[in-house]
Amino acid sequence: MATTSTPQPDSSSNLSITVESNPSDSRLSELGIQSWPKWGCPPGKYMLKFEAEETCYLVKGKVKVYPKGSSEYVEFGAGDLVTIPQGLSCTWDVSVSIDKHYKFASSSSSS
């Protein structure tokens, strides 16, 4: 199982997107992916801010994610298990329609 972590060049934060390519069926089962809600979108550009950590599994699609203020990007697509950190503001440049299962980390305290 190959796991790649791509740190962002923004030195003022440690926000990084982790991409696990082609996780095993047993790993997906263990996470309960099939019971997670689904979300999809057509090709286009979307500005997003993640208020909570999100773990998602792309069933189909392809996207380049550009963290705010950076020209660097992280690319992932169908078959990838992705963790997006809480607090990340980014632009999703979707080249192939996205269909994904997702789950937000539950926060243990509120401010």
PDB file of N, CA and C in Angstrom:
ATOM      1  N   MET A   1       0.854  -1.168   0.000  1.00  0.00           N
ATOM      2  CA  MET A   1       0.000   0.000   0.000  1.00  0.00           C
ATOM      3  C   MET A   1       0.901   1.231   0.000  1.00  0.00           C
ATOM      4  N   ALA A   2       0.713   2.106  -0.980  1.00  0.00           N
ATOM      5  CA  ALA A   2       1.550   3.296  -1.100  1.00  0.00           C
ATOM      6  C   ALA A   2       0.809   4.494  -0.542  1.00  0.00           C
ATOM      7  N   THR A   3       1.435   5.197   0.356  1.00  0.00           N
ATOM      8  CA  THR A   3       0.860   6.405   0.916  1.00  0.00           C
ATOM      9  C   THR A   3       1.803   7.554   0.619  1.00  0.00           C
ATOM     10  N   THR A   4       1.251   8.593   0.026  1.00  0.00           N
ATOM     11  CA  THR A   4       2.079   9.764  -0.253  1.00  0.00           C
ATOM     12  C   THR A   4       1.496  10.950   0.468  1.00  0.00           C
ATOM     13  N   SER A   5       2.343  11.700   1.096  1.00  0.00           N
ATOM     14  CA  SER A   5       1.921  12.926   1.754  1.00  0.00           C
ATOM     15  C   SER A   5       2.607  14.060   1.018  1.00  0.00           C
ATOM     16  N   THR A   6       1.813  15.024   0.610  1.00  0.00           N
ATOM     17  CA  THR A   6       2.371  16.141  -0.141  1.00  0.00           C
ATOM     18  C   THR A   6       2.265  17.399   0.700  1.00  0.00           C
ATOM     19  N   PRO A   7       3.361  17.803   1.350  1.00  0.00           N
ATOM     20  CA  PRO A   7       3.288  19.015   2.162  1.00  0.00           C
ATOM     21  C   PRO A   7       3.143  20.241   1.273  1.00  0.00           C
ATOM     22  N   GLN A   8       2.410  21.196   1.754  1.00  0.00           N
ATOM     23  CA  GLN A   8       2.199  22.424   0.991  1.00  0.00           C
ATOM     24  C   GLN A   8       3.353  23.388   1.242  1.00  0.00           C
ATOM     25  N   PRO A   9       3.690  24.217   0.265  1.00  0.00           N
ATOM     26  CA  PRO A   9       4.826  25.124   0.383  1.00  0.00           C
ATOM     27  C   PRO A   9       4.596  26.310   1.318  1.00  0.00           C
ATOM     28  N   ASP A  10       3.376  26.494   1.804  1.00  0.00           N
ATOM     29  CA  ASP A  10       3.080  27.613   2.686  1.00  0.00           C
ATOM     30  C   ASP A  10       3.753  27.385   4.043  1.00  0.00           C
ATOM     31  N   SER A  11       4.802  28.127   4.319  1.00  0.00           N
ATOM     32  CA  SER A  11       5.587  27.893   5.529  1.00  0.00           C
ATOM     33  C   SER A  11       4.866  28.315   6.805  1.00  0.00           C
ATOM     34  N   SER A  12       3.759  29.061   6.663  1.00  0.00           N
ATOM     35  CA  SER A  12       3.062  29.515   7.859  1.00  0.00           C
ATOM     36  C   SER A  12       2.088  28.466   8.404  1.00  0.00           C
ATOM     37  N   SER A  13       1.941  27.345   7.701  1.00  0.00           N
ATOM     38  CA  SER A  13       1.040  26.307   8.195  1.00  0.00           C
ATOM     39  C   SER A  13       1.556  24.919   7.846  1.00  0.00           C
ATOM     40  N   ASN A  14       0.996  23.936   8.541  1.00  0.00           N
ATOM     41  CA  ASN A  14       1.383  22.550   8.289  1.00  0.00           C
ATOM     42  C   ASN A  14       0.265  21.792   7.588  1.00  0.00           C
ATOM     43  N   LEU A  15      -0.609  22.512   6.886  1.00  0.00           N
ATOM     44  CA  LEU A  15      -1.747  21.858   6.262  1.00  0.00           C
ATOM     45  C   LEU A  15      -1.291  21.072   5.046  1.00  0.00           C
ATOM     46  N   SER A  16      -1.509  19.772   5.079  1.00  0.00           N
ATOM     47  CA  SER A  16      -1.130  18.959   3.929  1.00  0.00           C
ATOM     48  C   SER A  16      -2.215  17.940   3.631  1.00  0.00           C
ATOM     49  N   ILE A  17      -2.345  17.641   2.354  1.00  0.00           N
ATOM     50  CA  ILE A  17      -3.318  16.665   1.884  1.00  0.00           C
ATOM     51  C   ILE A  17      -2.598  15.329   1.758  1.00  0.00           C
ATOM     52  N   THR A  18      -3.187  14.275   2.297  1.00  0.00           N
ATOM     53  CA  THR A  18      -2.595  12.945   2.207  1.00  0.00           C
ATOM     54  C   THR A  18      -3.404  12.113   1.219  1.00  0.00           C
ATOM     55  N   VAL A  19      -2.714  11.491   0.273  1.00  0.00           N
ATOM     56  CA  VAL A  19      -3.376  10.665  -0.735  1.00  0.00           C
ATOM     57  C   VAL A  19      -2.865   9.236  -0.622  1.00  0.00           C
ATOM     58  N   GLU A  20      -3.795   8.303  -0.432  1.00  0.00           N
ATOM     59  CA  GLU A  20      -3.467   6.878  -0.391  1.00  0.00           C
ATOM     60  C   GLU A  20      -4.061   6.265  -1.664  1.00  0.00           C
ATOM     61  N   SER A  21      -3.193   5.882  -2.600  1.00  0.00           N
ATOM     62  CA  SER A  21      -3.666   5.355  -3.884  1.00  0.00           C
ATOM     63  C   SER A  21      -4.063   3.890  -3.790  1.00  0.00           C
ATOM     64  N   ASN A  22      -5.213   3.592  -4.354  1.00  0.00           N
ATOM     65  CA  ASN A  22      -5.718   2.214  -4.429  1.00  0.00           C
ATOM     66  C   ASN A  22      -5.637   1.435  -3.123  1.00  0.00           C
ATOM     67  N   PRO A  23      -6.302   1.939  -2.071  1.00  0.00           N
ATOM     68  CA  PRO A  23      -6.303   1.172  -0.812  1.00  0.00           C
ATOM     69  C   PRO A  23      -7.000  -0.175  -1.032  1.00  0.00           C
ATOM     70  N   SER A  24      -6.638  -1.163  -0.219  1.00  0.00           N
ATOM     71  CA  SER A  24      -7.198  -2.510  -0.355  1.00  0.00           C
ATOM     72  C   SER A  24      -8.681  -2.514   0.013  1.00  0.00           C
ATOM     73  N   ASP A  25      -9.401  -3.521  -0.503  1.00  0.00           N
ATOM     74  CA  ASP A  25     -10.818  -3.666  -0.173  1.00  0.00           C
ATOM     75  C   ASP A  25     -11.011  -3.818   1.333  1.00  0.00           C
ATOM     76  N   SER A  26     -10.071  -4.514   1.986  1.00  0.00           N
ATOM     77  CA  SER A  26     -10.209  -4.701   3.434  1.00  0.00           C
ATOM     78  C   SER A  26     -10.055  -3.367   4.169  1.00  0.00           C
ATOM     79  N   ARG A  27      -9.189  -2.504   3.680  1.00  0.00           N
ATOM     80  CA  ARG A  27      -9.025  -1.168   4.280  1.00  0.00           C
ATOM     81  C   ARG A  27     -10.312  -0.348   4.107  1.00  0.00           C
ATOM     82  N   LEU A  28     -10.890  -0.400   2.911  1.00  0.00           N
ATOM     83  CA  LEU A  28     -12.133   0.335   2.653  1.00  0.00           C
ATOM     84  C   LEU A  28     -13.267  -0.204   3.515  1.00  0.00           C
ATOM     85  N   SER A  29     -13.309  -1.516   3.685  1.00  0.00           N
ATOM     86  CA  SER A  29     -14.324  -2.161   4.525  1.00  0.00           C
ATOM     87  C   SER A  29     -14.166  -1.735   5.976  1.00  0.00           C
ATOM     88  N   GLU A  30     -12.930  -1.741   6.431  1.00  0.00           N
ATOM     89  CA  GLU A  30     -12.599  -1.370   7.813  1.00  0.00           C
ATOM     90  C   GLU A  30     -13.067   0.063   8.104  1.00  0.00           C
ATOM     91  N   LEU A  31     -12.927   0.950   7.124  1.00  0.00           N
ATOM     92  CA  LEU A  31     -13.350   2.342   7.299  1.00  0.00           C
ATOM     93  C   LEU A  31     -14.863   2.514   7.150  1.00  0.00           C
ATOM     94  N   GLY A  32     -15.529   1.540   6.553  1.00  0.00           N
ATOM     95  CA  GLY A  32     -16.979   1.628   6.348  1.00  0.00           C
ATOM     96  C   GLY A  32     -17.360   2.607   5.252  1.00  0.00           C
ATOM     97  N   ILE A  33     -16.504   2.720   4.239  1.00  0.00           N
ATOM     98  CA  ILE A  33     -16.703   3.689   3.152  1.00  0.00           C
ATOM     99  C   ILE A  33     -18.114   3.650   2.554  1.00  0.00           C
ATOM    100  N   GLN A  34     -18.641   2.446   2.323  1.00  0.00           N
ATOM    101  CA  GLN A  34     -19.941   2.321   1.652  1.00  0.00           C
ATOM    102  C   GLN A  34     -21.088   2.961   2.442  1.00  0.00           C
ATOM    103  N   SER A  35     -20.901   3.153   3.746  1.00  0.00           N
ATOM    104  CA  SER A  35     -21.966   3.758   4.550  1.00  0.00           C
ATOM    105  C   SER A  35     -21.815   5.283   4.652  1.00  0.00           C
ATOM    106  N   TRP A  36     -20.715   5.821   4.113  1.00  0.00           N
ATOM    107  CA  TRP A  36     -20.511   7.270   4.161  1.00  0.00           C
ATOM    108  C   TRP A  36     -21.423   7.959   3.149  1.00  0.00           C
ATOM    109  N   PRO A  37     -21.771   9.219   3.410  1.00  0.00           N
ATOM    110  CA  PRO A  37     -22.563   9.965   2.420  1.00  0.00           C
ATOM    111  C   PRO A  37     -21.781  10.117   1.119  1.00  0.00           C
ATOM    112  N   LYS A  38     -22.521  10.386   0.032  1.00  0.00           N
ATOM    113  CA  LYS A  38     -21.878  10.602  -1.268  1.00  0.00           C
ATOM    114  C   LYS A  38     -22.045  12.060  -1.691  1.00  0.00           C
ATOM    115  N   TRP A  39     -21.106  12.519  -2.478  1.00  0.00           N
ATOM    116  CA  TRP A  39     -21.144  13.876  -3.023  1.00  0.00           C
ATOM    117  C   TRP A  39     -20.522  13.837  -4.405  1.00  0.00           C
ATOM    118  N   GLY A  40     -21.001  14.675  -5.286  1.00  0.00           N
ATOM    119  CA  GLY A  40     -20.429  14.735  -6.621  1.00  0.00           C
ATOM    120  C   GLY A  40     -20.535  16.139  -7.182  1.00  0.00           C
ATOM    121  N   CYS A  41     -19.753  16.397  -8.225  1.00  0.00           N
ATOM    122  CA  CYS A  41     -19.823  17.688  -8.900  1.00  0.00           C
ATOM    123  C   CYS A  41     -19.315  17.531 -10.331  1.00  0.00           C
ATOM    124  N   PRO A  42     -19.790  18.407 -11.222  1.00  0.00           N
ATOM    125  CA  PRO A  42     -19.318  18.378 -12.607  1.00  0.00           C
ATOM    126  C   PRO A  42     -17.967  19.082 -12.718  1.00  0.00           C
ATOM    127  N   PRO A  43     -17.316  18.962 -13.876  1.00  0.00           N
ATOM    128  CA  PRO A  43     -16.056  19.687 -14.070  1.00  0.00           C
ATOM    129  C   PRO A  43     -16.246  21.186 -13.830  1.00  0.00           C
ATOM    130  N   GLY A  44     -15.215  21.819 -13.296  1.00  0.00           N
ATOM    131  CA  GLY A  44     -15.266  23.253 -13.007  1.00  0.00           C
ATOM    132  C   GLY A  44     -14.294  23.586 -11.897  1.00  0.00           C
ATOM    133  N   LYS A  45     -14.302  24.855 -11.482  1.00  0.00           N
ATOM    134  CA  LYS A  45     -13.442  25.289 -10.385  1.00  0.00           C
ATOM    135  C   LYS A  45     -14.310  25.660  -9.198  1.00  0.00           C
ATOM    136  N   TYR A  46     -13.906  25.167  -8.030  1.00  0.00           N
ATOM    137  CA  TYR A  46     -14.675  25.370  -6.807  1.00  0.00           C
ATOM    138  C   TYR A  46     -13.743  25.847  -5.703  1.00  0.00           C
ATOM    139  N   MET A  47     -14.102  26.955  -5.048  1.00  0.00           N
ATOM    140  CA  MET A  47     -13.311  27.446  -3.915  1.00  0.00           C
ATOM    141  C   MET A  47     -13.932  26.860  -2.655  1.00  0.00           C
ATOM    142  N   LEU A  48     -13.109  26.141  -1.881  1.00  0.00           N
ATOM    143  CA  LEU A  48     -13.600  25.447  -0.698  1.00  0.00           C
ATOM    144  C   LEU A  48     -12.757  25.760   0.525  1.00  0.00           C
ATOM    145  N   LYS A  49     -13.403  25.756   1.692  1.00  0.00           N
ATOM    146  CA  LYS A  49     -12.674  25.860   2.955  1.00  0.00           C
ATOM    147  C   LYS A  49     -13.156  24.703   3.819  1.00  0.00           C
ATOM    148  N   PHE A  50     -12.212  23.930   4.332  1.00  0.00           N
ATOM    149  CA  PHE A  50     -12.546  22.763   5.133  1.00  0.00           C
ATOM    150  C   PHE A  50     -12.558  23.142   6.608  1.00  0.00           C
ATOM    151  N   GLU A  51     -13.758  23.205   7.181  1.00  0.00           N
ATOM    152  CA  GLU A  51     -13.932  23.576   8.586  1.00  0.00           C
ATOM    153  C   GLU A  51     -13.614  22.402   9.502  1.00  0.00           C
ATOM    154  N   ALA A  52     -13.588  21.206   8.947  1.00  0.00           N
ATOM    155  CA  ALA A  52     -13.255  19.989   9.694  1.00  0.00           C
ATOM    156  C   ALA A  52     -12.417  19.113   8.775  1.00  0.00           C
ATOM    157  N   GLU A  53     -11.617  18.243   9.373  1.00  0.00           N
ATOM    158  CA  GLU A  53     -10.843  17.305   8.560  1.00  0.00           C
ATOM    159  C   GLU A  53     -11.813  16.399   7.793  1.00  0.00           C
ATOM    160  N   GLU A  54     -11.538  16.208   6.512  1.00  0.00           N
ATOM    161  CA  GLU A  54     -12.382  15.327   5.699  1.00  0.00           C
ATOM    162  C   GLU A  54     -11.553  14.174   5.161  1.00  0.00           C
ATOM    163  N   THR A  55     -12.121  12.977   5.247  1.00  0.00           N
ATOM    164  CA  THR A  55     -11.547  11.809   4.586  1.00  0.00           C
ATOM    165  C   THR A  55     -12.531  11.455   3.487  1.00  0.00           C
ATOM    166  N   CYS A  56     -12.028  11.264   2.265  1.00  0.00           N
ATOM    167  CA  CYS A  56     -12.926  10.913   1.173  1.00  0.00           C
ATOM    168  C   CYS A  56     -12.298   9.848   0.287  1.00  0.00           C
ATOM    169  N   TYR A  57     -13.184   9.088  -0.366  1.00  0.00           N
ATOM    170  CA  TYR A  57     -12.755   8.055  -1.296  1.00  0.00           C
ATOM    171  C   TYR A  57     -13.415   8.357  -2.630  1.00  0.00           C
ATOM    172  N   LEU A  58     -12.595   8.607  -3.648  1.00  0.00           N
ATOM    173  CA  LEU A  58     -13.131   8.945  -4.957  1.00  0.00           C
ATOM    174  C   LEU A  58     -13.496   7.686  -5.739  1.00  0.00           C
ATOM    175  N   VAL A  59     -14.779   7.564  -6.076  1.00  0.00           N
ATOM    176  CA  VAL A  59     -15.271   6.449  -6.869  1.00  0.00           C
ATOM    177  C   VAL A  59     -14.950   6.732  -8.338  1.00  0.00           C
ATOM    178  N   LYS A  60     -15.128   7.995  -8.724  1.00  0.00           N
ATOM    179  CA  LYS A  60     -14.734   8.406 -10.070  1.00  0.00           C
ATOM    180  C   LYS A  60     -14.363   9.876 -10.051  1.00  0.00           C
ATOM    181  N   GLY A  61     -13.658  10.281 -11.095  1.00  0.00           N
ATOM    182  CA  GLY A  61     -13.303  11.683 -11.229  1.00  0.00           C
ATOM    183  C   GLY A  61     -11.817  11.940 -11.150  1.00  0.00           C
ATOM    184  N   LYS A  62     -11.459  13.213 -11.360  1.00  0.00           N
ATOM    185  CA  LYS A  62     -10.070  13.644 -11.285  1.00  0.00           C
ATOM    186  C   LYS A  62     -10.057  15.121 -10.920  1.00  0.00           C
ATOM    187  N   VAL A  63      -9.162  15.494  -9.997  1.00  0.00           N
ATOM    188  CA  VAL A  63      -9.130  16.873  -9.520  1.00  0.00           C
ATOM    189  C   VAL A  63      -7.699  17.289  -9.171  1.00  0.00           C
ATOM    190  N   LYS A  64      -7.419  18.573  -9.379  1.00  0.00           N
ATOM    191  CA  LYS A  64      -6.181  19.186  -8.892  1.00  0.00           C
ATOM    192  C   LYS A  64      -6.624  20.167  -7.813  1.00  0.00           C
ATOM    193  N   VAL A  65      -6.006  20.053  -6.634  1.00  0.00           N
ATOM    194  CA  VAL A  65      -6.350  20.939  -5.519  1.00  0.00           C
ATOM    195  C   VAL A  65      -5.198  21.911  -5.298  1.00  0.00           C
ATOM    196  N   TYR A  66      -5.515  23.202  -5.407  1.00  0.00           N
ATOM    197  CA  TYR A  66      -4.539  24.275  -5.218  1.00  0.00           C
ATOM    198  C   TYR A  66      -4.806  24.951  -3.877  1.00  0.00           C
ATOM    199  N   PRO A  67      -3.930  24.756  -2.880  1.00  0.00           N
ATOM    200  CA  PRO A  67      -4.113  25.473  -1.611  1.00  0.00           C
ATOM    201  C   PRO A  67      -4.070  26.980  -1.858  1.00  0.00           C
ATOM    202  N   LYS A  68      -4.872  27.721  -1.102  1.00  0.00           N
ATOM    203  CA  LYS A  68      -4.957  29.173  -1.258  1.00  0.00           C
ATOM    204  C   LYS A  68      -3.565  29.799  -1.174  1.00  0.00           C
ATOM    205  N   GLY A  69      -3.270  30.685  -2.117  1.00  0.00           N
ATOM    206  CA  GLY A  69      -1.996  31.397  -2.113  1.00  0.00           C
ATOM    207  C   GLY A  69      -0.827  30.602  -2.659  1.00  0.00           C
ATOM    208  N   SER A  70      -1.098  29.445  -3.282  1.00  0.00           N
ATOM    209  CA  SER A  70      -0.022  28.598  -3.799  1.00  0.00           C
ATOM    210  C   SER A  70      -0.268  28.253  -5.258  1.00  0.00           C
ATOM    211  N   SER A  71       0.805  28.110  -6.010  1.00  0.00           N
ATOM    212  CA  SER A  71       0.671  27.653  -7.397  1.00  0.00           C
ATOM    213  C   SER A  71       0.913  26.146  -7.468  1.00  0.00           C
ATOM    214  N   GLU A  72       1.329  25.553  -6.344  1.00  0.00           N
ATOM    215  CA  GLU A  72       1.527  24.103  -6.260  1.00  0.00           C
ATOM    216  C   GLU A  72       0.150  23.445  -6.136  1.00  0.00           C
ATOM    217  N   TYR A  73       0.060  22.186  -6.542  1.00  0.00           N
ATOM    218  CA  TYR A  73      -1.207  21.483  -6.396  1.00  0.00           C
ATOM    219  C   TYR A  73      -0.982  20.017  -6.039  1.00  0.00           C
ATOM    220  N   VAL A  74      -2.061  19.401  -5.539  1.00  0.00           N
ATOM    221  CA  VAL A  74      -2.078  17.969  -5.269  1.00  0.00           C
ATOM    222  C   VAL A  74      -3.151  17.410  -6.187  1.00  0.00           C
ATOM    223  N   GLU A  75      -2.814  16.365  -6.956  1.00  0.00           N
ATOM    224  CA  GLU A  75      -3.776  15.779  -7.880  1.00  0.00           C
ATOM    225  C   GLU A  75      -4.173  14.395  -7.398  1.00  0.00           C
ATOM    226  N   PHE A  76      -5.468  14.102  -7.466  1.00  0.00           N
ATOM    227  CA  PHE A  76      -5.944  12.768  -7.123  1.00  0.00           C
ATOM    228  C   PHE A  76      -7.202  12.469  -7.912  1.00  0.00           C
ATOM    229  N   GLY A  77      -7.578  11.182  -7.906  1.00  0.00           N
ATOM    230  CA  GLY A  77      -8.728  10.778  -8.710  1.00  0.00           C
ATOM    231  C   GLY A  77      -9.302   9.459  -8.255  1.00  0.00           C
ATOM    232  N   ALA A  78     -10.050   8.837  -9.164  1.00  0.00           N
ATOM    233  CA  ALA A  78     -10.755   7.586  -8.867  1.00  0.00           C
ATOM    234  C   ALA A  78      -9.806   6.562  -8.235  1.00  0.00           C
ATOM    235  N   GLY A  79     -10.275   5.950  -7.137  1.00  0.00           N
ATOM    236  CA  GLY A  79      -9.486   4.929  -6.459  1.00  0.00           C
ATOM    237  C   GLY A  79      -8.582   5.467  -5.368  1.00  0.00           C
ATOM    238  N   ASP A  80      -8.586   6.792  -5.155  1.00  0.00           N
ATOM    239  CA  ASP A  80      -7.734   7.381  -4.117  1.00  0.00           C
ATOM    240  C   ASP A  80      -8.526   7.656  -2.840  1.00  0.00           C
ATOM    241  N   LEU A  81      -7.877   7.369  -1.709  1.00  0.00           N
ATOM    242  CA  LEU A  81      -8.399   7.686  -0.385  1.00  0.00           C
ATOM    243  C   LEU A  81      -7.623   8.918   0.069  1.00  0.00           C
ATOM    244  N   VAL A  82      -8.334  10.000   0.343  1.00  0.00           N
ATOM    245  CA  VAL A  82      -7.695  11.301   0.556  1.00  0.00           C
ATOM    246  C   VAL A  82      -8.105  11.879   1.908  1.00  0.00           C
ATOM    247  N   THR A  83      -7.125  12.448   2.627  1.00  0.00           N
ATOM    248  CA  THR A  83      -7.410  13.153   3.872  1.00  0.00           C
ATOM    249  C   THR A  83      -7.052  14.616   3.668  1.00  0.00           C
ATOM    250  N   ILE A  84      -8.032  15.486   3.907  1.00  0.00           N
ATOM    251  CA  ILE A  84      -7.864  16.929   3.741  1.00  0.00           C
ATOM    252  C   ILE A  84      -7.932  17.548   5.134  1.00  0.00           C
ATOM    253  N   PRO A  85      -6.899  18.312   5.512  1.00  0.00           N
ATOM    254  CA  PRO A  85      -6.840  18.830   6.878  1.00  0.00           C
ATOM    255  C   PRO A  85      -7.853  19.938   7.173  1.00  0.00           C
ATOM    256  N   GLN A  86      -8.238  20.001   8.431  1.00  0.00           N
ATOM    257  CA  GLN A  86      -9.117  21.072   8.902  1.00  0.00           C
ATOM    258  C   GLN A  86      -8.410  22.408   8.688  1.00  0.00           C
ATOM    259  N   GLY A  87      -9.174  23.407   8.228  1.00  0.00           N
ATOM    260  CA  GLY A  87      -8.622  24.748   8.077  1.00  0.00           C
ATOM    261  C   GLY A  87      -8.059  25.044   6.701  1.00  0.00           C
ATOM    262  N   LEU A  88      -8.015  24.039   5.812  1.00  0.00           N
ATOM    263  CA  LEU A  88      -7.450  24.260   4.485  1.00  0.00           C
ATOM    264  C   LEU A  88      -8.437  25.023   3.599  1.00  0.00           C
ATOM    265  N   SER A  89      -7.978  26.126   3.023  1.00  0.00           N
ATOM    266  CA  SER A  89      -8.732  26.846   1.993  1.00  0.00           C
ATOM    267  C   SER A  89      -8.057  26.514   0.681  1.00  0.00           C
ATOM    268  N   CYS A  90      -8.845  26.152  -0.331  1.00  0.00           N
ATOM    269  CA  CYS A  90      -8.250  25.708  -1.580  1.00  0.00           C
ATOM    270  C   CYS A  90      -9.219  25.865  -2.738  1.00  0.00           C
ATOM    271  N   THR A  91      -8.680  25.705  -3.939  1.00  0.00           N
ATOM    272  CA  THR A  91      -9.500  25.674  -5.144  1.00  0.00           C
ATOM    273  C   THR A  91      -9.417  24.274  -5.726  1.00  0.00           C
ATOM    274  N   TRP A  92     -10.571  23.671  -5.973  1.00  0.00           N
ATOM    275  CA  TRP A  92     -10.638  22.378  -6.638  1.00  0.00           C
ATOM    276  C   TRP A  92     -10.847  22.642  -8.120  1.00  0.00           C
ATOM    277  N   ASP A  93      -9.896  22.200  -8.939  1.00  0.00           N
ATOM    278  CA  ASP A  93     -10.012  22.299 -10.385  1.00  0.00           C
ATOM    279  C   ASP A  93     -10.368  20.898 -10.882  1.00  0.00           C
ATOM    280  N   VAL A  94     -11.658  20.665 -11.074  1.00  0.00           N
ATOM    281  CA  VAL A  94     -12.172  19.347 -11.425  1.00  0.00           C
ATOM    282  C   VAL A  94     -12.170  19.168 -12.940  1.00  0.00           C
ATOM    283  N   SER A  95     -11.390  18.190 -13.432  1.00  0.00           N
ATOM    284  CA  SER A  95     -11.316  17.948 -14.874  1.00  0.00           C
ATOM    285  C   SER A  95     -12.255  16.831 -15.323  1.00  0.00           C
ATOM    286  N   VAL A  96     -12.546  15.881 -14.419  1.00  0.00           N
ATOM    287  CA  VAL A  96     -13.487  14.787 -14.701  1.00  0.00           C
ATOM    288  C   VAL A  96     -14.474  14.751 -13.534  1.00  0.00           C
ATOM    289  N   SER A  97     -15.779  14.738 -13.835  1.00  0.00           N
ATOM    290  CA  SER A  97     -16.820  14.776 -12.793  1.00  0.00           C
ATOM    291  C   SER A  97     -16.469  13.893 -11.597  1.00  0.00           C
ATOM    292  N   ILE A  98     -16.662  14.455 -10.407  1.00  0.00           N
ATOM    293  CA  ILE A  98     -16.336  13.781  -9.148  1.00  0.00           C
ATOM    294  C   ILE A  98     -17.554  13.028  -8.612  1.00  0.00           C
ATOM    295  N   ASP A  99     -17.314  11.832  -8.107  1.00  0.00           N
ATOM    296  CA  ASP A  99     -18.285  11.056  -7.352  1.00  0.00           C
ATOM    297  C   ASP A  99     -17.482  10.470  -6.198  1.00  0.00           C
ATOM    298  N   LYS A 100     -17.818  10.858  -4.977  1.00  0.00           N
ATOM    299  CA  LYS A 100     -17.003  10.411  -3.840  1.00  0.00           C
ATOM    300  C   LYS A 100     -17.860  10.111  -2.623  1.00  0.00           C
ATOM    301  N   HIS A 101     -17.308   9.254  -1.756  1.00  0.00           N
ATOM    302  CA  HIS A 101     -17.846   9.039  -0.418  1.00  0.00           C
ATOM    303  C   HIS A 101     -17.000   9.922   0.489  1.00  0.00           C
ATOM    304  N   TYR A 102     -17.609  10.510   1.515  1.00  0.00           N
ATOM    305  CA  TYR A 102     -16.842  11.386   2.395  1.00  0.00           C
ATOM    306  C   TYR A 102     -17.297  11.265   3.841  1.00  0.00           C
ATOM    307  N   LYS A 103     -16.390  11.673   4.726  1.00  0.00           N
ATOM    308  CA  LYS A 103     -16.689  11.678   6.160  1.00  0.00           C
ATOM    309  C   LYS A 103     -15.889  12.802   6.797  1.00  0.00           C
ATOM    310  N   PHE A 104     -16.542  13.601   7.618  1.00  0.00           N
ATOM    311  CA  PHE A 104     -15.844  14.650   8.357  1.00  0.00           C
ATOM    312  C   PHE A 104     -15.487  14.129   9.738  1.00  0.00           C
ATOM    313  N   ALA A 105     -14.305  14.517  10.213  1.00  0.00           N
ATOM    314  CA  ALA A 105     -13.904  14.132  11.573  1.00  0.00           C
ATOM    315  C   ALA A 105     -14.843  14.839  12.531  1.00  0.00           C
ATOM    316  N   SER A 106     -15.273  14.129  13.571  1.00  0.00           N
ATOM    317  CA  SER A 106     -16.149  14.776  14.543  1.00  0.00           C
ATOM    318  C   SER A 106     -15.280  15.543  15.515  1.00  0.00           C
ATOM    319  N   SER A 107     -15.718  16.751  15.834  1.00  0.00           N
ATOM    320  CA  SER A 107     -14.906  17.546  16.759  1.00  0.00           C
ATOM    321  C   SER A 107     -15.308  17.170  18.169  1.00  0.00           C
ATOM    322  N   SER A 108     -14.308  17.039  19.033  1.00  0.00           N
ATOM    323  CA  SER A 108     -14.582  16.620  20.393  1.00  0.00           C
ATOM    324  C   SER A 108     -14.945  17.796  21.291  1.00  0.00           C
ATOM    325  N   SER A 109     -14.684  19.019  20.812  1.00  0.00           N
ATOM    326  CA  SER A 109     -15.056  20.186  21.598  1.00  0.00           C
ATOM    327  C   SER A 109     -15.493  21.304  20.673  1.00  0.00           C
ATOM    328  N   SER A 110     -16.323  22.182  21.186  1.00  0.00           N
ATOM    329  CA  SER A 110     -16.744  23.322  20.370  1.00  0.00           C
ATOM    330  C   SER A 110     -16.225  24.604  21.021  1.00  0.00           C
ATOM    331  N   SER A 111     -15.974  25.612  20.190  1.00  0.00           N
ATOM    332  CA  SER A 111     -15.385  26.839  20.757  1.00  0.00           C
ATOM    333  C   SER A 111     -16.420  27.859  21.133  1.00  0.00           C
TER     334      SER A 111
END
